[in-house]
Protein backbone atom coordinates (compact mmCIF):
# COMPACT_ATOMS: atom_id res chain seq x y z
CA MET A 1 -3.82 -62.33 181.09
CA ARG A 2 -4.20 -59.23 183.22
CA LYS A 3 -5.46 -56.06 181.54
CA LEU A 4 -2.52 -54.48 179.70
CA GLU A 5 -1.95 -51.34 181.75
CA ILE A 6 1.36 -49.59 181.09
CA PHE A 7 3.25 -47.14 183.28
CA ILE A 8 6.27 -45.17 182.03
CA ALA A 9 9.02 -43.26 183.84
CA ASP A 10 11.97 -41.28 182.50
CA ASP A 11 13.66 -38.10 183.66
CA HIS A 12 14.10 -36.93 180.05
CA PRO A 13 10.81 -35.14 179.17
CA ILE A 14 11.27 -35.42 175.40
CA LEU A 15 11.76 -39.18 175.47
CA LEU A 16 8.95 -39.60 177.99
CA LYS A 17 6.56 -37.65 175.76
CA GLY A 18 7.71 -39.47 172.63
CA LEU A 19 7.23 -42.85 174.29
CA GLU A 20 3.80 -41.91 175.63
CA ASP A 21 2.65 -40.62 172.23
CA LEU A 22 3.86 -43.78 170.49
CA LEU A 23 2.11 -46.10 172.94
CA ILE A 24 -1.13 -44.14 172.69
CA GLU A 25 -0.85 -44.20 168.89
CA LYS A 26 -0.53 -47.99 169.12
CA LYS A 27 -3.76 -48.06 171.17
CA MET A 28 -1.98 -49.09 174.35
CA ASN A 29 -3.31 -48.15 177.76
CA VAL A 30 -0.86 -45.76 179.46
CA ILE A 31 -2.19 -45.29 182.99
CA GLY A 32 0.56 -43.10 184.45
CA LYS A 33 4.00 -41.58 184.13
CA ALA A 34 6.74 -40.15 186.33
CA ILE A 35 9.99 -38.22 185.97
CA ASN A 36 11.82 -39.68 188.98
CA GLY A 37 12.33 -43.12 190.48
CA GLN A 38 10.64 -42.58 193.82
CA ASP A 39 7.39 -41.39 192.23
CA ALA A 40 7.60 -44.32 189.84
CA LEU A 41 8.02 -46.83 192.66
CA ASN A 42 5.16 -45.28 194.66
CA PHE A 43 2.86 -45.60 191.65
CA ILE A 44 3.87 -49.21 191.01
CA ILE A 45 3.34 -50.19 194.65
CA LYS A 46 -0.11 -48.60 194.69
CA ASN A 47 -1.39 -49.65 191.25
CA GLU A 48 0.66 -52.68 190.15
CA PRO A 49 0.42 -51.96 186.42
CA TYR A 50 0.92 -54.94 184.11
CA ILE A 51 4.06 -53.36 182.62
CA ALA A 52 6.36 -50.59 183.84
CA ILE A 53 8.80 -49.09 181.33
CA LEU A 54 11.58 -47.44 183.33
CA ASP A 55 14.73 -45.50 182.61
CA VAL A 56 17.69 -47.27 184.18
CA GLU A 57 19.06 -44.04 185.63
CA MET A 58 16.65 -41.60 187.28
CA PRO A 59 16.80 -39.21 190.25
CA LYS A 60 15.90 -40.62 193.68
CA LYS A 61 15.70 -44.26 192.55
CA SER A 62 17.12 -46.05 189.52
CA GLY A 63 15.19 -48.45 187.34
CA ILE A 64 17.43 -51.24 188.62
CA GLU A 65 16.55 -50.41 192.25
CA ILE A 66 12.84 -50.38 191.41
CA ALA A 67 13.13 -53.75 189.65
CA GLN A 68 14.99 -55.20 192.66
CA TYR A 69 12.29 -53.89 195.03
CA CYS A 70 9.53 -55.43 192.89
CA LYS A 71 11.27 -58.79 192.81
CA LEU A 72 11.96 -58.79 196.56
CA ASN A 73 8.38 -57.83 197.39
CA LYS A 74 6.77 -60.09 194.79
CA ILE A 75 5.09 -57.24 192.91
CA ALA A 76 3.64 -58.70 189.72
CA THR A 77 4.47 -55.73 187.46
CA LYS A 78 6.72 -56.74 184.57
CA ILE A 79 9.67 -54.36 184.30
CA ILE A 80 11.10 -53.14 181.00
CA LEU A 81 14.30 -51.10 181.34
CA ILE A 82 15.54 -48.58 178.80
CA THR A 83 19.05 -47.21 178.99
CA LEU A 84 21.69 -45.03 177.36
CA TYR A 85 24.42 -47.26 178.74
CA LYS A 86 25.93 -50.27 176.97
CA GLU A 87 27.98 -51.70 179.84
CA ILE A 88 27.93 -55.47 180.31
CA ASP A 89 27.54 -55.12 184.10
CA LEU A 90 24.17 -53.39 183.79
CA TYR A 91 23.00 -55.93 181.24
CA LEU A 92 23.92 -58.87 183.45
CA MET A 93 22.40 -57.20 186.51
CA ALA A 94 19.13 -56.73 184.62
CA LYS A 95 19.07 -60.43 183.72
CA LYS A 96 19.96 -61.42 187.27
CA ILE A 97 17.10 -59.50 188.87
CA GLY A 98 14.59 -60.86 186.39
CA VAL A 99 13.50 -57.84 184.38
CA PHE A 100 11.34 -58.73 181.37
CA GLY A 101 12.78 -56.26 178.89
CA TYR A 102 16.02 -54.39 178.29
CA ILE A 103 16.51 -52.01 175.36
CA LEU A 104 18.74 -49.09 174.40
CA LYS A 105 17.22 -45.61 174.33
CA GLU A 106 18.48 -44.98 170.82
CA PHE A 107 16.33 -47.89 169.61
CA ALA A 108 13.51 -47.57 172.16
CA LEU A 109 10.88 -46.11 169.84
CA GLU A 110 11.70 -48.75 167.20
CA GLU A 111 11.76 -51.74 169.55
CA ILE A 112 9.27 -50.96 172.30
CA GLU A 113 6.21 -52.40 170.54
CA THR A 114 8.02 -55.68 169.79
CA CYS A 115 9.31 -55.73 173.36
CA ILE A 116 5.84 -55.24 174.84
CA LYS A 117 4.35 -57.98 172.66
CA SER A 118 7.08 -60.36 173.80
CA VAL A 119 6.59 -59.47 177.46
CA THR A 120 2.82 -59.93 177.27
CA ASN A 121 3.53 -63.48 176.11
CA ASN A 122 5.79 -64.01 179.15
CA ILE A 123 8.89 -64.04 176.94
CA PRO A 124 11.71 -61.73 178.15
CA TYR A 125 13.01 -59.35 175.49
CA PHE A 126 16.67 -58.31 175.56
CA SER A 127 17.59 -56.12 172.62
CA GLU A 128 19.83 -57.69 169.99
CA GLU A 129 21.45 -54.27 169.56
CA ILE A 130 22.95 -54.30 173.06
CA LYS A 131 23.95 -57.96 172.72
CA LYS A 132 25.90 -57.03 169.59
CA HIS A 133 27.64 -54.19 171.41
CA ILE A 134 28.78 -56.22 174.41
CA GLY A 135 29.64 -59.31 172.38
CA PHE A 136 27.15 -61.47 174.27
CA THR A 137 25.58 -64.42 172.46
CA GLU A 138 23.06 -66.95 173.67
CA GLU A 139 25.36 -69.63 172.24
CA THR A 140 28.20 -68.54 174.53
CA ASN A 141 25.83 -68.41 177.47
CA ALA A 142 24.55 -71.92 176.67
CA VAL A 143 28.11 -73.28 176.52
CA LEU A 144 29.00 -71.71 179.85
CA LYS A 145 26.00 -73.42 181.44
CA GLU A 146 27.53 -76.73 180.40
CA LEU A 147 30.71 -76.08 182.39
CA SER A 148 31.00 -77.74 185.78
CA LEU A 149 31.44 -75.68 188.93
CA PRO A 150 35.15 -76.63 189.23
CA GLU A 151 35.68 -75.62 185.59
CA LYS A 152 34.06 -72.24 186.23
CA ARG A 153 36.29 -71.78 189.28
CA VAL A 154 39.33 -72.54 187.15
CA LEU A 155 38.17 -69.96 184.57
CA LYS A 156 37.79 -67.33 187.25
CA LEU A 157 41.30 -67.97 188.57
CA ILE A 158 42.72 -67.92 185.04
CA SER A 159 41.13 -64.47 184.63
CA GLU A 160 43.14 -63.43 187.70
CA HIS A 161 46.33 -64.57 185.92
CA LYS A 162 46.93 -67.48 188.30
CA THR A 163 49.29 -70.23 187.18
CA ASN A 164 48.27 -73.90 187.12
CA LYS A 165 50.26 -74.43 190.32
CA GLU A 166 48.56 -71.50 192.06
CA ILE A 167 45.12 -72.64 190.89
CA GLY A 168 45.83 -76.15 192.17
CA HIS A 169 46.89 -74.76 195.55
CA LEU A 170 43.77 -72.57 195.85
CA LEU A 171 41.38 -75.36 194.80
CA PHE A 172 43.23 -78.12 196.69
CA ILE A 173 43.89 -80.14 193.53
CA SER A 174 47.06 -81.11 191.66
CA HIS A 175 48.38 -79.00 188.80
CA ARG A 176 47.81 -82.02 186.53
CA THR A 177 44.11 -81.92 187.42
CA VAL A 178 44.11 -78.22 186.58
CA GLU A 179 45.60 -79.05 183.19
CA LYS A 180 42.81 -81.60 182.61
CA TYR A 181 40.18 -78.99 183.48
CA ARG A 182 41.82 -76.53 181.07
CA SER A 183 41.77 -79.12 178.27
CA LYS A 184 38.09 -79.90 178.89
CA ILE A 185 37.22 -76.19 178.92
CA ILE A 186 39.06 -75.62 175.63
CA LEU A 187 37.11 -78.47 174.04
CA LYS A 188 33.75 -77.27 175.38
CA LEU A 189 34.41 -73.71 174.22
CA ASP A 190 35.73 -74.97 170.88
CA LEU A 191 38.93 -72.95 171.22
CA SER A 192 42.28 -73.37 169.52
CA HIS A 193 44.92 -75.32 171.43
CA VAL A 194 47.43 -72.60 170.55
CA SER A 195 49.21 -71.30 173.67
CA GLY A 196 47.38 -68.33 175.17
CA ALA A 197 44.06 -68.94 173.36
CA LEU A 198 42.20 -69.79 176.56
CA LEU A 199 43.63 -66.83 178.47
CA SER A 200 42.69 -64.46 175.64
CA TRP A 201 39.12 -65.80 175.62
CA VAL A 202 38.84 -65.59 179.41
CA LEU A 203 40.05 -61.99 179.57
CA LYS A 204 37.59 -60.99 176.87
CA ASN A 205 34.64 -62.78 178.46
CA LYS A 206 35.35 -62.84 182.19
CA HIS A 207 32.22 -60.80 182.90
CA LEU A 208 30.22 -63.93 182.06
CA PHE A 209 31.53 -66.01 184.94
CA ASN A 210 32.86 -63.56 187.55
């Protein structure tokens, strides 16, 4: 494993200082810090620290933009994002671009050591606290992975309030085939066969397949 060098960036001085003090107290090697995204990115490009702990929202460049740049340019630094925001879109974006850690600021000082240990073992760490808030579970995610591509397309169209006939027209299949897909989806998601149960689930969870 590469030497555990840690870089931190946050535009809130109090949190930045608190995080730095905690890491130093835990005998971790903090090699640099920044208060804006552009300075953070410049440091990462030049030094490629093992871990970079970044605020999601900073002046000049966001933590998300820095993570995207690192992925695109194959920079080996493992990105941990900390955020005030609990929106599902940011969470899913973070997973999509391959960040190694994602935690809420209100729990950052409590979770950061556990997060770093996980990351150093090449295991991504996504805070259970934010999963609870957005209603995301690994079980739901695992079930969705079992759905076929046509089934996911049907789910997406259901979320747009399309009827079976309209879905069939858009996917070039019969409405009876659409009904079969709906039945299979209900079984896979272990939902009630009560009218409207699938639509209610889709509207609540459409961020997972849109």
